Amino acid sequence: MKTPVLHKPLEVTETVDWGVIPTMIEGESRVSGVLIHKGPEGRSECGVWICTPGKWECHVTSDEFCHFLEGRCTYVHESGEVIEITPDTAAFFPKDWKGVCTVHETIKKVYMIR
């Protein structure tokens, strides 16, 4: 098996349109990206994820590690905790994290879900 590698994720321009976030509150955040690897039965995956501005309800259904490369957004956990995301921010969202995400400037991140 060949090791999945993606060089220069900041320079990725050819992406797959993954549609509109289904839990929109304001605006219409469109997501797109590149899948680097998907594990057996879809239990894990990693790739590049891009999201345009908007505000939406967020429910993380699997542990997710993210390294945000571009853009600005704010995550507000249902407990009230505020997480400000700027370029070169890394974050871990545990399974069942719930809150609201507001994308201020289009974000690009590399991610790993398990």
Protein backbone atom coordinates (compact mmCIF):
# COMPACT_ATOMS: atom_id res chain seq x y z
CA MET A 1 0.00 0.00 0.00
CA LYS A 2 1.29 3.43 -0.94
CA THR A 3 1.39 6.07 1.83
CA PRO A 4 -1.10 8.89 1.18
CA VAL A 5 0.77 12.21 0.98
CA LEU A 6 -0.39 15.70 0.03
CA HIS A 7 2.33 18.30 -0.46
CA LYS A 8 1.63 22.01 0.04
CA PRO A 9 -2.01 21.87 1.23
CA LEU A 10 -2.13 25.68 1.23
CA GLU A 11 -1.75 25.54 -2.54
CA VAL A 12 -4.60 23.08 -3.14
CA THR A 13 -7.01 24.55 -5.70
CA GLU A 14 -8.62 21.47 -7.28
CA THR A 15 -11.27 20.39 -4.79
CA VAL A 16 -14.52 18.45 -4.71
CA ASP A 17 -17.70 20.43 -3.91
CA TRP A 18 -19.20 18.86 -0.78
CA GLY A 19 -22.25 21.15 -0.74
CA VAL A 20 -23.79 23.51 1.80
CA ILE A 21 -23.60 22.99 5.56
CA PRO A 22 -27.03 21.48 6.41
CA THR A 23 -27.40 23.23 9.79
CA MET A 24 -27.09 26.86 8.67
CA ILE A 25 -28.22 29.67 10.99
CA GLU A 26 -27.07 32.61 8.80
CA GLY A 27 -25.65 32.75 5.29
CA GLU A 28 -24.77 29.74 3.17
CA SER A 29 -21.42 28.15 4.02
CA ARG A 30 -20.25 25.94 1.14
CA VAL A 31 -17.70 23.25 1.83
CA SER A 32 -15.23 21.61 -0.49
CA GLY A 33 -12.02 19.71 -0.13
CA VAL A 34 -9.68 16.91 -0.98
CA LEU A 35 -9.78 13.52 0.66
CA ILE A 36 -6.26 12.22 1.35
CA HIS A 37 -7.31 8.91 2.92
CA LYS A 38 -10.48 7.14 4.04
CA GLY A 39 -10.14 4.17 6.39
CA PRO A 40 -12.02 0.87 6.36
CA GLU A 41 -15.80 1.29 6.53
CA GLY A 42 -15.33 5.07 6.60
CA ARG A 43 -14.40 5.07 10.30
CA SER A 44 -11.51 7.46 9.80
CA GLU A 45 -10.47 9.99 7.20
CA CYS A 46 -8.10 12.86 6.62
CA GLY A 47 -7.90 15.59 4.07
CA VAL A 48 -8.19 19.29 3.31
CA TRP A 49 -11.47 21.04 4.13
CA ILE A 50 -12.49 24.51 2.92
CA CYS A 51 -15.55 26.41 4.19
CA THR A 52 -16.92 29.79 3.09
CA PRO A 53 -18.40 32.39 5.49
CA GLY A 54 -21.61 31.76 7.39
CA LYS A 55 -22.92 30.71 10.79
CA TRP A 56 -24.06 27.17 11.59
CA GLU A 57 -24.76 24.67 14.32
CA CYS A 58 -21.87 22.26 14.75
CA HIS A 59 -22.03 18.71 16.12
CA VAL A 60 -18.76 16.78 15.92
CA THR A 61 -19.72 13.12 15.54
CA SER A 62 -16.17 11.66 15.75
CA ASP A 63 -12.91 12.83 17.36
CA GLU A 64 -11.37 15.40 15.02
CA PHE A 65 -7.95 17.04 14.97
CA CYS A 66 -7.66 20.16 12.79
CA HIS A 67 -4.80 22.40 11.74
CA PHE A 68 -6.30 25.59 10.32
CA LEU A 69 -4.12 27.01 7.55
CA GLU A 70 -6.11 30.05 6.37
CA GLY A 71 -9.08 32.18 7.34
CA ARG A 72 -10.83 33.15 10.54
CA CYS A 73 -13.69 31.59 12.44
CA THR A 74 -15.14 31.39 15.93
CA TYR A 75 -16.44 28.25 17.60
CA VAL A 76 -18.69 28.70 20.64
CA HIS A 77 -19.25 25.53 22.65
CA GLU A 78 -22.73 25.00 24.12
CA SER A 79 -21.11 25.65 27.55
CA GLY A 80 -20.16 29.16 26.38
CA GLU A 81 -16.44 28.49 25.80
CA VAL A 82 -15.20 30.61 22.86
CA ILE A 83 -12.48 29.30 20.54
CA GLU A 84 -11.00 31.86 18.15
CA ILE A 85 -9.42 30.31 15.06
CA THR A 86 -6.81 32.17 13.02
CA PRO A 87 -4.23 30.87 10.52
CA ASP A 88 -1.83 28.29 11.99
CA THR A 89 -4.16 27.25 14.82
CA ALA A 90 -4.43 23.58 15.80
CA ALA A 91 -7.47 22.27 17.69
CA PHE A 92 -8.92 18.96 18.83
CA PHE A 93 -12.70 18.56 18.93
CA PRO A 94 -13.79 15.47 20.88
CA LYS A 95 -16.68 13.31 19.74
CA ASP A 96 -20.05 14.92 20.58
CA TRP A 97 -18.65 18.46 20.81
CA LYS A 98 -21.60 20.77 20.15
CA GLY A 99 -21.82 24.47 19.53
CA VAL A 100 -21.99 27.15 16.86
CA CYS A 101 -19.36 27.97 14.24
CA THR A 102 -19.15 31.38 12.62
CA VAL A 103 -16.81 31.55 9.63
CA HIS A 104 -15.70 35.18 9.20
CA GLU A 105 -13.20 34.57 6.36
CA THR A 106 -13.04 31.38 4.26
CA ILE A 107 -11.17 28.75 6.23
CA LYS A 108 -8.89 26.00 4.97
CA LYS A 109 -7.78 23.24 7.30
CA VAL A 110 -6.16 19.86 7.22
CA TYR A 111 -8.02 17.37 9.39
CA MET A 112 -8.03 13.86 10.77
CA ILE A 113 -11.26 12.19 11.92
CA ARG A 114 -11.30 8.90 13.82
